[in-house]
Amino acid sequence: MTKKKEESEEVLPKREEKETKEHKEPVKAYFSNERALTESSDSAREFYNQSRYGSLLDDGRVQLSLIETLYLIEKKRVVVYGSRNKIIGFEIFLKKAQKVEPNFWVRYCVYKDIRNRGYIIKTALKFGADFRIYDRGVKPGEDHARWVVFPVHECSSLTWYEFSAKNRVAHSTKKKLLIGCVDDEGDVTFWEVRWLRP
């Protein structure tokens, strides 16, 4: 296993250019059953069409995962309303998400880091991983993901069996394996794992 620093161009380079687009008013979304549903609007559909946030429903709304929703709340691109039509802020939404998923913060830190670098990241449950990452400029459906990533906290440990299973998942799906190691400050270091022939 070789460590790849965050600045490495081979693994996940940091985004060099900043978004110059000014975003319009935040899209309204409603928290419901461990997900958020946006209003049916062009701005909401733009989440899906341009950056592949969520999944597009038949009625024109976009269904966002908890991680996508928190990221868009932090970026001030979405405003989420609860059951009593009150706005749910970042901290409250984070607490709700952590009740649903105990490892949520570690996964969110990895998700946020990759999105901030300009990559599209989606869940990879059917591959047996947490996320799959597409090369810049590639959207899901146009080509295959390049990496599968497993978020872990720096203090957690993996058995050789667990590590081998993660490696097998990446190898069988013909993707590169990344371990996103999150420290107590929420900073992420990526480790790329690959097979080497002697």
C-alpha atoms as a PDB file:
ATOM      1  CA  MET A   1       0.000   0.000   0.000  1.00  0.00           C
ATOM      2  CA  THR A   2       1.370   3.394  -0.926  1.00  0.00           C
ATOM      3  CA  LYS A   3       0.345   6.701   0.590  1.00  0.00           C
ATOM      4  CA  LYS A   4      -0.657   9.434  -1.827  1.00  0.00           C
ATOM      5  CA  LYS A   5      -0.631  12.942  -0.416  1.00  0.00           C
ATOM      6  CA  GLU A   6      -3.583  15.230  -0.987  1.00  0.00           C
ATOM      7  CA  GLU A   7      -1.638  17.330  -3.473  1.00  0.00           C
ATOM      8  CA  SER A   8      -0.821  14.338  -5.668  1.00  0.00           C
ATOM      9  CA  GLU A   9      -1.896  14.858  -9.261  1.00  0.00           C
ATOM     10  CA  GLU A  10      -2.297  11.094  -9.746  1.00  0.00           C
ATOM     11  CA  VAL A  11      -4.965  10.500  -7.142  1.00  0.00           C
ATOM     12  CA  LEU A  12      -7.235  13.480  -6.534  1.00  0.00           C
ATOM     13  CA  PRO A  13      -5.744  16.882  -7.336  1.00  0.00           C
ATOM     14  CA  LYS A  14      -7.258  19.901  -5.666  1.00  0.00           C
ATOM     15  CA  ARG A  15      -9.500  21.987  -7.839  1.00  0.00           C
ATOM     16  CA  GLU A  16      -7.462  24.793  -9.367  1.00  0.00           C
ATOM     17  CA  GLU A  17     -10.202  27.055 -10.602  1.00  0.00           C
ATOM     18  CA  LYS A  18     -13.022  28.318  -8.441  1.00  0.00           C
ATOM     19  CA  GLU A  19     -16.574  28.348  -9.631  1.00  0.00           C
ATOM     20  CA  THR A  20     -17.289  31.708 -11.169  1.00  0.00           C
ATOM     21  CA  LYS A  21     -20.982  31.104 -11.612  1.00  0.00           C
ATOM     22  CA  GLU A  22     -23.149  33.012  -9.233  1.00  0.00           C
ATOM     23  CA  HIS A  23     -25.944  30.866  -7.930  1.00  0.00           C
ATOM     24  CA  LYS A  24     -29.506  32.087  -7.780  1.00  0.00           C
ATOM     25  CA  GLU A  25     -31.759  31.831  -4.775  1.00  0.00           C
ATOM     26  CA  PRO A  26     -31.349  28.553  -2.880  1.00  0.00           C
ATOM     27  CA  VAL A  27     -33.645  25.729  -3.947  1.00  0.00           C
ATOM     28  CA  LYS A  28     -36.334  24.697  -1.470  1.00  0.00           C
ATOM     29  CA  ALA A  29     -36.267  21.111  -0.269  1.00  0.00           C
ATOM     30  CA  TYR A  30     -38.303  19.172   2.243  1.00  0.00           C
ATOM     31  CA  PHE A  31     -36.882  16.642   4.709  1.00  0.00           C
ATOM     32  CA  SER A  32     -38.734  13.352   4.511  1.00  0.00           C
ATOM     33  CA  ASN A  33     -37.875   9.824   5.615  1.00  0.00           C
ATOM     34  CA  GLU A  34     -34.075  10.046   5.667  1.00  0.00           C
ATOM     35  CA  ARG A  35     -33.800  12.061   2.461  1.00  0.00           C
ATOM     36  CA  ALA A  36     -34.711  15.455   1.034  1.00  0.00           C
ATOM     37  CA  LEU A  37     -36.996  16.189  -1.892  1.00  0.00           C
ATOM     38  CA  THR A  38     -36.554  19.441  -3.784  1.00  0.00           C
ATOM     39  CA  GLU A  39     -39.305  21.528  -5.277  1.00  0.00           C
ATOM     40  CA  SER A  40     -39.975  20.953  -8.958  1.00  0.00           C
ATOM     41  CA  SER A  41     -38.031  23.776 -10.598  1.00  0.00           C
ATOM     42  CA  ASP A  42     -35.375  24.391 -13.229  1.00  0.00           C
ATOM     43  CA  SER A  43     -32.862  25.231 -10.483  1.00  0.00           C
ATOM     44  CA  ALA A  44     -33.515  21.908  -8.766  1.00  0.00           C
ATOM     45  CA  ARG A  45     -33.179  19.955 -12.015  1.00  0.00           C
ATOM     46  CA  GLU A  46     -29.910  21.831 -12.638  1.00  0.00           C
ATOM     47  CA  PHE A  47     -28.472  20.042  -9.546  1.00  0.00           C
ATOM     48  CA  TYR A  48     -28.952  16.774 -11.346  1.00  0.00           C
ATOM     49  CA  ASN A  49     -28.240  17.814 -14.940  1.00  0.00           C
ATOM     50  CA  GLN A  50     -25.006  19.694 -14.290  1.00  0.00           C
ATOM     51  CA  SER A  51     -23.447  18.033 -11.242  1.00  0.00           C
ATOM     52  CA  ARG A  52     -25.446  14.823 -10.802  1.00  0.00           C
ATOM     53  CA  TYR A  53     -26.656  15.591  -7.293  1.00  0.00           C
ATOM     54  CA  GLY A  54     -29.400  13.178  -6.276  1.00  0.00           C
ATOM     55  CA  SER A  55     -31.734  11.359  -8.617  1.00  0.00           C
ATOM     56  CA  LEU A  56     -34.315  12.947 -10.878  1.00  0.00           C
ATOM     57  CA  LEU A  57     -37.903  11.877 -10.222  1.00  0.00           C
ATOM     58  CA  ASP A  58     -40.690  11.669 -12.810  1.00  0.00           C
ATOM     59  CA  ASP A  59     -42.445  14.735 -11.396  1.00  0.00           C
ATOM     60  CA  GLY A  60     -39.354  16.953 -11.908  1.00  0.00           C
ATOM     61  CA  ARG A  61     -38.224  16.965  -8.281  1.00  0.00           C
ATOM     62  CA  VAL A  62     -34.779  15.782  -7.233  1.00  0.00           C
ATOM     63  CA  GLN A  63     -34.327  13.288  -4.404  1.00  0.00           C
ATOM     64  CA  LEU A  64     -31.162  14.052  -2.439  1.00  0.00           C
ATOM     65  CA  SER A  65     -29.344  11.764  -0.026  1.00  0.00           C
ATOM     66  CA  LEU A  66     -28.527  12.988   3.478  1.00  0.00           C
ATOM     67  CA  ILE A  67     -24.886  13.625   2.520  1.00  0.00           C
ATOM     68  CA  GLU A  68     -25.786  15.536  -0.645  1.00  0.00           C
ATOM     69  CA  THR A  69     -28.342  17.592   1.267  1.00  0.00           C
ATOM     70  CA  LEU A  70     -25.914  18.572   4.034  1.00  0.00           C
ATOM     71  CA  TYR A  71     -23.289  19.548   1.448  1.00  0.00           C
ATOM     72  CA  LEU A  72     -25.790  21.725  -0.443  1.00  0.00           C
ATOM     73  CA  ILE A  73     -26.963  23.304   2.829  1.00  0.00           C
ATOM     74  CA  GLU A  74     -23.350  24.169   3.664  1.00  0.00           C
ATOM     75  CA  LYS A  75     -22.858  25.655   0.173  1.00  0.00           C
ATOM     76  CA  LYS A  76     -26.080  27.671   0.634  1.00  0.00           C
ATOM     77  CA  ARG A  77     -27.561  26.142  -2.501  1.00  0.00           C
ATOM     78  CA  VAL A  78     -30.528  24.544  -0.782  1.00  0.00           C
ATOM     79  CA  VAL A  79     -32.832  25.462   2.102  1.00  0.00           C
ATOM     80  CA  VAL A  80     -34.414  22.485   3.841  1.00  0.00           C
ATOM     81  CA  TYR A  81     -37.772  22.622   5.592  1.00  0.00           C
ATOM     82  CA  GLY A  82     -38.968  20.190   8.243  1.00  0.00           C
ATOM     83  CA  SER A  83     -42.423  18.786   8.968  1.00  0.00           C
ATOM     84  CA  ARG A  84     -43.613  22.015  10.609  1.00  0.00           C
ATOM     85  CA  ASN A  85     -42.383  24.091   7.698  1.00  0.00           C
ATOM     86  CA  LYS A  86     -39.429  25.393   9.733  1.00  0.00           C
ATOM     87  CA  ILE A  87     -35.989  25.720   8.201  1.00  0.00           C
ATOM     88  CA  ILE A  88     -33.521  23.029   9.271  1.00  0.00           C
ATOM     89  CA  GLY A  89     -30.026  24.511   9.562  1.00  0.00           C
ATOM     90  CA  PHE A  90     -26.668  22.791   9.105  1.00  0.00           C
ATOM     91  CA  GLU A  91     -26.154  21.719  12.748  1.00  0.00           C
ATOM     92  CA  ILE A  92     -29.675  20.374  13.236  1.00  0.00           C
ATOM     93  CA  PHE A  93     -29.577  18.519   9.920  1.00  0.00           C
ATOM     94  CA  LEU A  94     -26.204  17.034  10.873  1.00  0.00           C
ATOM     95  CA  LYS A  95     -27.638  15.748  14.176  1.00  0.00           C
ATOM     96  CA  LYS A  96     -30.608  14.183  12.377  1.00  0.00           C
ATOM     97  CA  ALA A  97     -28.290  12.496   9.862  1.00  0.00           C
ATOM     98  CA  GLN A  98     -25.994  11.168  12.616  1.00  0.00           C
ATOM     99  CA  LYS A  99     -28.988   9.531  14.319  1.00  0.00           C
ATOM    100  CA  VAL A 100     -29.727   7.669  11.095  1.00  0.00           C
ATOM    101  CA  GLU A 101     -26.099   6.808  10.351  1.00  0.00           C
ATOM    102  CA  PRO A 102     -23.500   6.753  13.165  1.00  0.00           C
ATOM    103  CA  ASN A 103     -20.507   7.028  10.743  1.00  0.00           C
ATOM    104  CA  PHE A 104     -22.101   9.976   8.921  1.00  0.00           C
ATOM    105  CA  TRP A 105     -19.529  12.664   9.831  1.00  0.00           C
ATOM    106  CA  VAL A 106     -16.561  10.630   8.543  1.00  0.00           C
ATOM    107  CA  ARG A 107     -18.397   9.852   5.303  1.00  0.00           C
ATOM    108  CA  TYR A 108     -19.443  13.490   4.939  1.00  0.00           C
ATOM    109  CA  CYS A 109     -15.859  14.753   5.315  1.00  0.00           C
ATOM    110  CA  VAL A 110     -14.712  12.467   2.486  1.00  0.00           C
ATOM    111  CA  TYR A 111     -17.704  13.385   0.315  1.00  0.00           C
ATOM    112  CA  LYS A 112     -17.140  17.111   0.851  1.00  0.00           C
ATOM    113  CA  ASP A 113     -13.405  16.894   0.121  1.00  0.00           C
ATOM    114  CA  ILE A 114     -13.984  15.081  -3.169  1.00  0.00           C
ATOM    115  CA  ARG A 115     -16.827  17.385  -4.271  1.00  0.00           C
ATOM    116  CA  ASN A 116     -14.703  20.440  -3.441  1.00  0.00           C
ATOM    117  CA  ARG A 117     -12.027  19.069  -5.778  1.00  0.00           C
ATOM    118  CA  GLY A 118     -14.524  19.104  -8.648  1.00  0.00           C
ATOM    119  CA  TYR A 119     -15.335  15.397  -8.922  1.00  0.00           C
ATOM    120  CA  ILE A 120     -18.744  13.753  -9.100  1.00  0.00           C
ATOM    121  CA  ILE A 121     -19.167  11.268  -6.260  1.00  0.00           C
ATOM    122  CA  LYS A 122     -22.084   8.875  -5.907  1.00  0.00           C
ATOM    123  CA  THR A 123     -22.936   5.997  -3.584  1.00  0.00           C
ATOM    124  CA  ALA A 124     -21.483   2.587  -4.441  1.00  0.00           C
ATOM    125  CA  LEU A 125     -23.592   0.256  -2.343  1.00  0.00           C
ATOM    126  CA  LYS A 126     -24.156  -2.147  -5.227  1.00  0.00           C
ATOM    127  CA  PHE A 127     -20.367  -2.453  -5.529  1.00  0.00           C
ATOM    128  CA  GLY A 128     -19.954  -3.067  -1.806  1.00  0.00           C
ATOM    129  CA  ALA A 129     -18.234   0.292  -1.210  1.00  0.00           C
ATOM    130  CA  ASP A 130     -19.293   3.627   0.262  1.00  0.00           C
ATOM    131  CA  PHE A 131     -18.733   5.811  -2.807  1.00  0.00           C
ATOM    132  CA  ARG A 132     -17.645   5.744  -6.410  1.00  0.00           C
ATOM    133  CA  ILE A 133     -15.804   8.687  -7.979  1.00  0.00           C
ATOM    134  CA  TYR A 134     -15.822   9.751 -11.610  1.00  0.00           C
ATOM    135  CA  ASP A 135     -13.007  11.530 -13.426  1.00  0.00           C
ATOM    136  CA  ARG A 136     -13.515  15.264 -13.921  1.00  0.00           C
ATOM    137  CA  GLY A 137     -15.850  16.000 -16.794  1.00  0.00           C
ATOM    138  CA  VAL A 138     -17.353  12.485 -16.712  1.00  0.00           C
ATOM    139  CA  LYS A 139     -20.942  12.021 -15.589  1.00  0.00           C
ATOM    140  CA  PRO A 140     -22.471   8.764 -14.376  1.00  0.00           C
ATOM    141  CA  GLY A 141     -23.854   6.899 -17.358  1.00  0.00           C
ATOM    142  CA  GLU A 142     -21.305   8.386 -19.776  1.00  0.00           C
ATOM    143  CA  ASP A 143     -18.435   6.242 -18.532  1.00  0.00           C
ATOM    144  CA  HIS A 144     -17.482   4.087 -15.555  1.00  0.00           C
ATOM    145  CA  ALA A 145     -16.266   5.445 -12.234  1.00  0.00           C
ATOM    146  CA  ARG A 146     -12.498   5.486 -11.790  1.00  0.00           C
ATOM    147  CA  TRP A 147     -12.317   4.873  -8.025  1.00  0.00           C
ATOM    148  CA  VAL A 148     -14.236   3.294  -5.174  1.00  0.00           C
ATOM    149  CA  VAL A 149     -13.601   4.930  -1.821  1.00  0.00           C
ATOM    150  CA  PHE A 150     -13.990   3.762   1.761  1.00  0.00           C
ATOM    151  CA  PRO A 151     -14.045   6.524   4.415  1.00  0.00           C
ATOM    152  CA  VAL A 152     -12.405   5.654   7.752  1.00  0.00           C
ATOM    153  CA  HIS A 153     -11.495   7.620  10.860  1.00  0.00           C
ATOM    154  CA  GLU A 154      -7.755   7.857  11.565  1.00  0.00           C
ATOM    155  CA  CYS A 155      -8.213   6.031  14.901  1.00  0.00           C
ATOM    156  CA  SER A 156     -10.165   3.121  13.448  1.00  0.00           C
ATOM    157  CA  SER A 157      -8.525  -0.142  12.483  1.00  0.00           C
ATOM    158  CA  LEU A 158      -9.089  -2.728   9.794  1.00  0.00           C
ATOM    159  CA  THR A 159      -8.295  -6.394   9.987  1.00  0.00           C
ATOM    160  CA  TRP A 160      -6.346  -7.898   7.101  1.00  0.00           C
ATOM    161  CA  TYR A 161      -9.538  -9.710   6.135  1.00  0.00           C
ATOM    162  CA  GLU A 162     -11.509  -6.417   5.936  1.00  0.00           C
ATOM    163  CA  PHE A 163      -8.683  -4.745   4.026  1.00  0.00           C
ATOM    164  CA  SER A 164      -8.480  -7.652   1.590  1.00  0.00           C
ATOM    165  CA  ALA A 165     -12.260  -7.576   1.065  1.00  0.00           C
ATOM    166  CA  LYS A 166     -12.125  -3.863   0.161  1.00  0.00           C
ATOM    167  CA  ASN A 167      -9.293  -4.527  -2.252  1.00  0.00           C
ATOM    168  CA  ARG A 168     -11.220  -7.390  -3.845  1.00  0.00           C
ATOM    169  CA  VAL A 169     -14.268  -5.136  -4.328  1.00  0.00           C
ATOM    170  CA  ALA A 170     -12.180  -2.574  -6.218  1.00  0.00           C
ATOM    171  CA  HIS A 171     -10.376  -5.229  -8.254  1.00  0.00           C
ATOM    172  CA  SER A 172     -13.574  -7.078  -9.240  1.00  0.00           C
ATOM    173  CA  THR A 173     -15.252  -3.816 -10.369  1.00  0.00           C
ATOM    174  CA  LYS A 174     -12.113  -2.725 -12.277  1.00  0.00           C
ATOM    175  CA  LYS A 175     -11.740   0.426 -10.204  1.00  0.00           C
ATOM    176  CA  LYS A 176      -8.919   1.873  -8.149  1.00  0.00           C
ATOM    177  CA  LEU A 177      -9.281   1.651  -4.382  1.00  0.00           C
ATOM    178  CA  LEU A 178      -9.039   4.765  -2.226  1.00  0.00           C
ATOM    179  CA  ILE A 179      -9.109   4.839   1.552  1.00  0.00           C
ATOM    180  CA  GLY A 180     -10.200   8.291   2.758  1.00  0.00           C
ATOM    181  CA  CYS A 181      -8.650   8.725   6.212  1.00  0.00           C
ATOM    182  CA  VAL A 182     -10.371  11.476   8.247  1.00  0.00           C
ATOM    183  CA  ASP A 183      -8.667  13.085  11.255  1.00  0.00           C
ATOM    184  CA  ASP A 184     -10.318  14.753  14.266  1.00  0.00           C
ATOM    185  CA  GLU A 185     -10.326  18.149  12.497  1.00  0.00           C
ATOM    186  CA  GLY A 186     -12.199  16.734   9.502  1.00  0.00           C
ATOM    187  CA  ASP A 187      -9.175  16.843   7.168  1.00  0.00           C
ATOM    188  CA  VAL A 188      -8.874  13.956   4.728  1.00  0.00           C
ATOM    189  CA  THR A 189      -5.807  12.095   3.481  1.00  0.00           C
ATOM    190  CA  PHE A 190      -6.276   9.613   0.670  1.00  0.00           C
ATOM    191  CA  TRP A 191      -4.425   6.319   0.355  1.00  0.00           C
ATOM    192  CA  GLU A 192      -4.520   4.581  -2.984  1.00  0.00           C
ATOM    193  CA  VAL A 193      -4.216   0.796  -2.914  1.00  0.00           C
ATOM    194  CA  ARG A 194      -3.232  -1.204  -5.972  1.00  0.00           C
ATOM    195  CA  TRP A 195      -1.875  -4.580  -6.947  1.00  0.00           C
ATOM    196  CA  LEU A 196       1.821  -4.769  -7.762  1.00  0.00           C
ATOM    197  CA  ARG A 197       3.525  -7.639  -9.536  1.00  0.00           C
ATOM    198  CA  PRO A 198       7.061  -8.434  -8.327  1.00  0.00           C
END
